[in-house]
Amino acid sequence: MVATVAVLSDVHGVLPALDRVLQEPEVVSADLTVVTGDHIWGPQPAETLDRLTALGERAVLVRGNADRELLQMSRGEDIGLGEDPLSVWGATQLSPHHQTLLANMPEHVTLDIEGFGPVLFCHATPRNDEEVVLVDTRLDRWTEVLHDVPDEVDTIVCGHTHMPYLRIADGRLIVNPGSVGLPYGRPGAHWTLLANGAVTMRRTLIDPDELIAAVTAGSSMPGIAEWAEENLRHPASDAEALAAFGPRDGRDAHL
């Protein structure tokens, strides 16, 4: 059983943001760091995966849908993302070593944490790496999504939607740490600390000019300057993100 866990998610290859979070005192002192997927779809995919795996036994990595998709593309599979230049480029950055790491990475893990008991960590939902659930998703949808989670697990930590939130659903505590690399809602690299039975939402503020300059200098991705400016300067608002993701949680079927 571990006492303190730092939870990161959705780094999306933004290595300078990851490095800043890894330097936070509470992350450095945590017994364990869990990263809940989508590590590599972004401007520094290989470098980000290398940084995370260099943490060794201090980190547990969960595979997200973007990690799976880039792995599939790197192996020559056509998954319908051939028109996305970042995906095409990102797939070429993965070495055989990276492919093996991703292929062996679990889709979910359960850890015993002091003050919480068994905690299930996944990317999107416990049963699917790209399913959408949100802070305002209806309760019957949550009940369906969590149906197969063992009764003794009453805390679930997920990512995928890039928006930090904390809520109760189906009698369980749901935690989303938000995104380190591509946050929605407000700027900053978002992460979460689980300690002493409490959940603390954290945010590491990074000057956007500094972040854009570091990402641009550190990536060989074609068009990186434009990508960084568009994606790192002004995060989508919470309203914009909910409007985009909302239809994917089945809510329209109940209107």
Protein backbone atom coordinates (compact mmCIF):
# COMPACT_ATOMS: atom_id res chain seq x y z
CA MET A 1 0.00 0.00 0.00
CA VAL A 2 1.28 3.48 -0.88
CA ALA A 3 0.56 6.68 1.05
CA THR A 4 0.78 9.45 -1.55
CA VAL A 5 0.20 9.32 -5.30
CA ALA A 6 0.64 12.11 -7.83
CA VAL A 7 -1.67 11.63 -10.81
CA LEU A 8 -0.86 13.10 -14.22
CA SER A 9 -2.73 12.59 -17.49
CA ASP A 10 -2.80 13.56 -21.15
CA VAL A 11 0.74 14.89 -21.49
CA HIS A 12 0.36 14.64 -25.28
CA GLY A 13 4.04 14.98 -26.02
CA VAL A 14 4.37 18.43 -24.46
CA LEU A 15 7.64 17.61 -22.72
CA PRO A 16 8.38 21.04 -21.18
CA ALA A 17 5.02 20.98 -19.36
CA LEU A 18 5.71 17.45 -18.10
CA ASP A 19 9.15 18.47 -16.86
CA ARG A 20 7.70 21.37 -14.92
CA VAL A 21 5.15 19.13 -13.20
CA LEU A 22 7.75 16.49 -12.40
CA GLN A 23 9.73 19.21 -10.59
CA GLU A 24 6.85 20.09 -8.29
CA PRO A 25 7.84 19.27 -4.68
CA GLU A 26 4.69 17.24 -4.04
CA VAL A 27 5.34 15.16 -7.16
CA VAL A 28 8.99 14.66 -6.26
CA SER A 29 8.07 13.51 -2.75
CA ALA A 30 5.11 11.32 -3.73
CA ASP A 31 5.50 7.59 -3.20
CA LEU A 32 4.28 6.97 -6.74
CA THR A 33 3.33 8.86 -9.88
CA VAL A 34 0.54 7.42 -12.03
CA VAL A 35 0.09 8.77 -15.57
CA THR A 36 -3.29 7.87 -17.03
CA GLY A 37 -2.61 7.78 -20.74
CA ASP A 38 -2.20 9.77 -23.93
CA HIS A 39 1.47 10.30 -23.31
CA ILE A 40 2.72 10.66 -26.86
CA TRP A 41 0.30 12.20 -29.40
CA GLY A 42 1.99 15.57 -29.64
CA PRO A 43 5.18 17.39 -30.61
CA GLN A 44 7.73 15.34 -28.62
CA PRO A 45 6.34 11.80 -28.49
CA ALA A 46 9.50 9.73 -28.16
CA GLU A 47 11.16 12.17 -25.77
CA THR A 48 8.09 12.23 -23.54
CA LEU A 49 7.85 8.46 -23.38
CA ASP A 50 11.57 8.27 -22.59
CA ARG A 51 11.19 10.79 -19.77
CA LEU A 52 8.29 8.88 -18.23
CA THR A 53 9.93 5.48 -18.46
CA ALA A 54 13.12 6.92 -16.95
CA LEU A 55 11.15 7.36 -13.72
CA GLY A 56 11.39 3.60 -13.36
CA GLU A 57 9.52 2.01 -10.48
CA ARG A 58 8.48 5.44 -9.20
CA ALA A 59 5.90 5.66 -12.00
CA VAL A 60 3.02 3.58 -13.30
CA LEU A 61 1.98 4.30 -16.89
CA VAL A 62 -1.48 3.52 -18.27
CA ARG A 63 -2.00 3.41 -22.04
CA GLY A 64 -4.50 5.81 -23.59
CA ASN A 65 -6.34 5.72 -26.90
CA ALA A 66 -3.85 8.06 -28.58
CA ASP A 67 -0.97 5.86 -27.44
CA ARG A 68 -2.72 2.80 -28.85
CA GLU A 69 -3.51 4.54 -32.12
CA LEU A 70 0.05 5.75 -32.73
CA LEU A 71 1.32 2.27 -31.90
CA GLN A 72 -1.06 0.76 -34.45
CA MET A 73 -0.03 3.30 -37.11
CA SER A 74 3.65 2.72 -36.40
CA ARG A 75 3.05 -0.93 -37.24
CA GLY A 76 1.45 -0.04 -40.56
CA GLU A 77 -2.20 -0.41 -39.57
CA ASP A 78 -4.74 1.86 -41.23
CA ILE A 79 -6.99 3.17 -38.47
CA GLY A 80 -8.44 6.09 -40.37
CA LEU A 81 -6.04 8.80 -39.19
CA GLY A 82 -4.02 9.03 -42.38
CA GLU A 83 -5.23 12.59 -42.97
CA ASP A 84 -3.93 13.80 -39.61
CA PRO A 85 -0.34 14.99 -40.15
CA LEU A 86 0.54 14.93 -36.44
CA SER A 87 -0.54 11.30 -36.13
CA VAL A 88 1.32 10.30 -39.28
CA TRP A 89 4.49 12.07 -38.16
CA GLY A 90 4.18 10.87 -34.56
CA ALA A 91 3.93 7.24 -35.63
CA THR A 92 7.27 7.54 -37.42
CA GLN A 93 8.97 8.71 -34.22
CA LEU A 94 8.42 5.43 -32.38
CA SER A 95 11.34 3.05 -32.27
CA PRO A 96 10.91 -0.72 -31.80
CA HIS A 97 11.70 -0.13 -28.13
CA HIS A 98 8.87 2.40 -27.86
CA GLN A 99 6.52 0.03 -29.65
CA THR A 100 7.28 -2.71 -27.14
CA LEU A 101 6.75 -0.35 -24.21
CA LEU A 102 3.37 0.74 -25.53
CA ALA A 103 2.26 -2.79 -26.45
CA ASN A 104 2.97 -3.98 -22.91
CA MET A 105 1.47 -0.96 -21.16
CA PRO A 106 -1.74 -1.77 -19.23
CA GLU A 107 -5.08 -0.12 -20.07
CA HIS A 108 -5.95 0.11 -16.38
CA VAL A 109 -4.38 -0.64 -13.01
CA THR A 110 -5.72 -0.94 -9.46
CA LEU A 111 -3.54 0.18 -6.55
CA ASP A 112 -4.08 0.15 -2.80
CA ILE A 113 -3.67 3.69 -1.50
CA GLU A 114 -3.74 4.63 2.15
CA GLY A 115 -7.01 6.34 3.04
CA PHE A 116 -8.69 5.18 -0.18
CA GLY A 117 -8.30 1.41 -0.43
CA PRO A 118 -8.29 0.00 -3.97
CA VAL A 119 -8.20 2.79 -6.57
CA LEU A 120 -8.76 2.02 -10.25
CA PHE A 121 -6.76 4.12 -12.72
CA CYS A 122 -7.76 4.16 -16.40
CA HIS A 123 -7.61 6.51 -19.36
CA ALA A 124 -11.20 7.13 -20.45
CA THR A 125 -13.38 4.62 -18.59
CA PRO A 126 -12.63 1.26 -16.96
CA ARG A 127 -14.04 -0.60 -19.95
CA ASN A 128 -12.93 1.50 -22.93
CA ASP A 129 -9.96 3.76 -23.73
CA GLU A 130 -11.95 6.33 -25.73
CA GLU A 131 -15.39 6.38 -24.12
CA VAL A 132 -16.52 9.81 -22.93
CA VAL A 133 -17.89 10.64 -19.49
CA LEU A 134 -17.94 14.17 -18.11
CA VAL A 135 -18.60 16.07 -14.92
CA ASP A 136 -22.22 16.58 -16.01
CA THR A 137 -22.81 13.15 -17.56
CA ARG A 138 -26.13 11.69 -16.38
CA LEU A 139 -26.01 9.19 -13.53
CA ASP A 140 -27.49 6.25 -15.42
CA ARG A 141 -24.69 6.57 -17.96
CA TRP A 142 -22.13 6.47 -15.14
CA THR A 143 -23.84 3.41 -13.67
CA GLU A 144 -23.57 1.68 -17.04
CA VAL A 145 -19.90 2.64 -17.49
CA LEU A 146 -18.94 1.43 -14.00
CA HIS A 147 -21.05 -1.73 -14.05
CA ASP A 148 -18.14 -4.18 -14.07
CA VAL A 149 -15.93 -2.36 -11.56
CA PRO A 150 -15.52 -4.53 -8.43
CA ASP A 151 -17.60 -3.44 -5.45
CA GLU A 152 -14.53 -2.90 -3.27
CA VAL A 153 -13.28 -0.17 -5.64
CA ASP A 154 -14.99 3.08 -4.72
CA THR A 155 -12.48 5.50 -6.28
CA ILE A 156 -11.87 5.70 -10.03
CA VAL A 157 -9.29 8.00 -11.61
CA CYS A 158 -9.60 8.73 -15.32
CA GLY A 159 -8.41 11.26 -17.90
CA HIS A 160 -9.12 11.60 -21.64
CA THR A 161 -11.32 14.73 -21.64
CA HIS A 162 -8.57 17.15 -20.50
CA MET A 163 -10.82 18.83 -17.92
CA PRO A 164 -10.18 18.43 -14.18
CA TYR A 165 -13.15 17.50 -12.03
CA LEU A 166 -14.20 15.66 -8.90
CA ARG A 167 -17.66 14.15 -8.45
CA ILE A 168 -19.65 11.27 -6.97
CA ALA A 169 -21.29 8.86 -9.42
CA ASP A 170 -22.87 5.49 -8.75
CA GLY A 171 -21.77 5.86 -5.13
CA ARG A 172 -18.11 6.13 -6.12
CA LEU A 173 -15.62 8.97 -6.14
CA ILE A 174 -14.61 9.95 -9.69
CA VAL A 175 -11.38 11.94 -10.17
CA ASN A 176 -10.14 13.48 -13.40
CA PRO A 177 -6.80 15.28 -12.97
CA GLY A 178 -7.14 17.20 -16.25
CA SER A 179 -4.33 17.47 -18.78
CA VAL A 180 -0.66 18.29 -18.34
CA GLY A 181 0.01 19.16 -21.97
CA LEU A 182 -3.27 20.25 -23.57
CA PRO A 183 -5.57 21.54 -20.82
CA TYR A 184 -9.16 22.59 -21.42
CA GLY A 185 -10.98 25.08 -19.24
CA ARG A 186 -8.08 27.23 -18.08
CA PRO A 187 -4.32 27.47 -18.69
CA GLY A 188 -1.71 25.52 -16.79
CA ALA A 189 -0.53 21.94 -16.46
CA HIS A 190 -3.16 20.19 -14.34
CA TRP A 191 -2.51 17.25 -12.03
CA THR A 192 -3.84 15.74 -8.80
CA LEU A 193 -2.50 14.51 -5.48
CA LEU A 194 -4.04 11.60 -3.56
CA ALA A 195 -2.88 11.67 0.06
CA ASN A 196 -4.33 10.99 3.51
CA GLY A 197 -7.69 10.03 2.03
CA ALA A 198 -8.04 13.43 0.32
CA VAL A 199 -7.97 14.51 -3.31
CA THR A 200 -6.20 17.79 -4.05
CA MET A 201 -6.45 19.31 -7.53
CA ARG A 202 -3.22 21.04 -8.55
CA ARG A 203 -2.16 23.33 -11.38
CA THR A 204 1.34 24.29 -12.50
CA LEU A 205 1.31 27.67 -14.20
CA ILE A 206 3.66 28.07 -17.16
CA ASP A 207 4.23 31.27 -19.12
CA PRO A 208 2.77 30.57 -22.59
CA ASP A 209 5.63 32.33 -24.38
CA GLU A 210 8.13 30.20 -22.49
CA LEU A 211 6.19 27.01 -23.18
CA ILE A 212 5.74 27.71 -26.88
CA ALA A 213 9.41 28.58 -27.30
CA ALA A 214 10.53 25.41 -25.53
CA VAL A 215 8.20 23.14 -27.48
CA THR A 216 9.13 24.76 -30.79
CA ALA A 217 12.85 24.40 -30.06
CA GLY A 218 12.51 20.81 -28.91
CA SER A 219 10.40 19.32 -31.69
CA SER A 220 11.17 18.33 -35.27
CA MET A 221 7.50 18.12 -36.19
CA PRO A 222 6.69 19.96 -39.44
CA GLY A 223 4.75 23.15 -38.72
CA ILE A 224 5.57 23.01 -35.02
CA ALA A 225 5.56 26.80 -34.52
CA GLU A 226 2.02 27.14 -35.84
CA TRP A 227 0.83 24.06 -33.93
CA ALA A 228 2.30 25.31 -30.68
CA GLU A 229 0.79 28.75 -31.07
CA GLU A 230 -2.65 27.37 -31.87
CA ASN A 231 -2.76 24.65 -29.21
CA LEU A 232 -0.76 26.10 -26.32
CA ARG A 233 -1.56 29.80 -26.34
CA HIS A 234 -5.29 29.74 -25.59
CA PRO A 235 -6.80 26.51 -24.21
CA ALA A 236 -10.40 25.75 -25.12
CA SER A 237 -12.85 27.03 -22.54
CA ASP A 238 -14.84 24.67 -20.36
CA ALA A 239 -17.99 25.58 -22.29
CA GLU A 240 -16.31 24.86 -25.63
CA ALA A 241 -14.93 21.54 -24.40
CA LEU A 242 -18.24 20.40 -22.93
CA ALA A 243 -20.04 21.37 -26.14
CA ALA A 244 -17.57 19.31 -28.16
CA PHE A 245 -17.45 16.27 -25.89
CA GLY A 246 -21.03 16.33 -24.61
CA PRO A 247 -22.69 14.61 -27.59
CA ARG A 248 -20.27 11.70 -27.17
CA ASP A 249 -21.57 10.70 -23.73
CA GLY A 250 -24.99 9.76 -25.08
CA ARG A 251 -26.83 12.72 -23.64
CA ASP A 252 -28.49 13.64 -26.95
CA ALA A 253 -30.35 10.33 -26.95
CA HIS A 254 -32.17 11.46 -23.81
CA LEU A 255 -33.22 14.89 -25.04
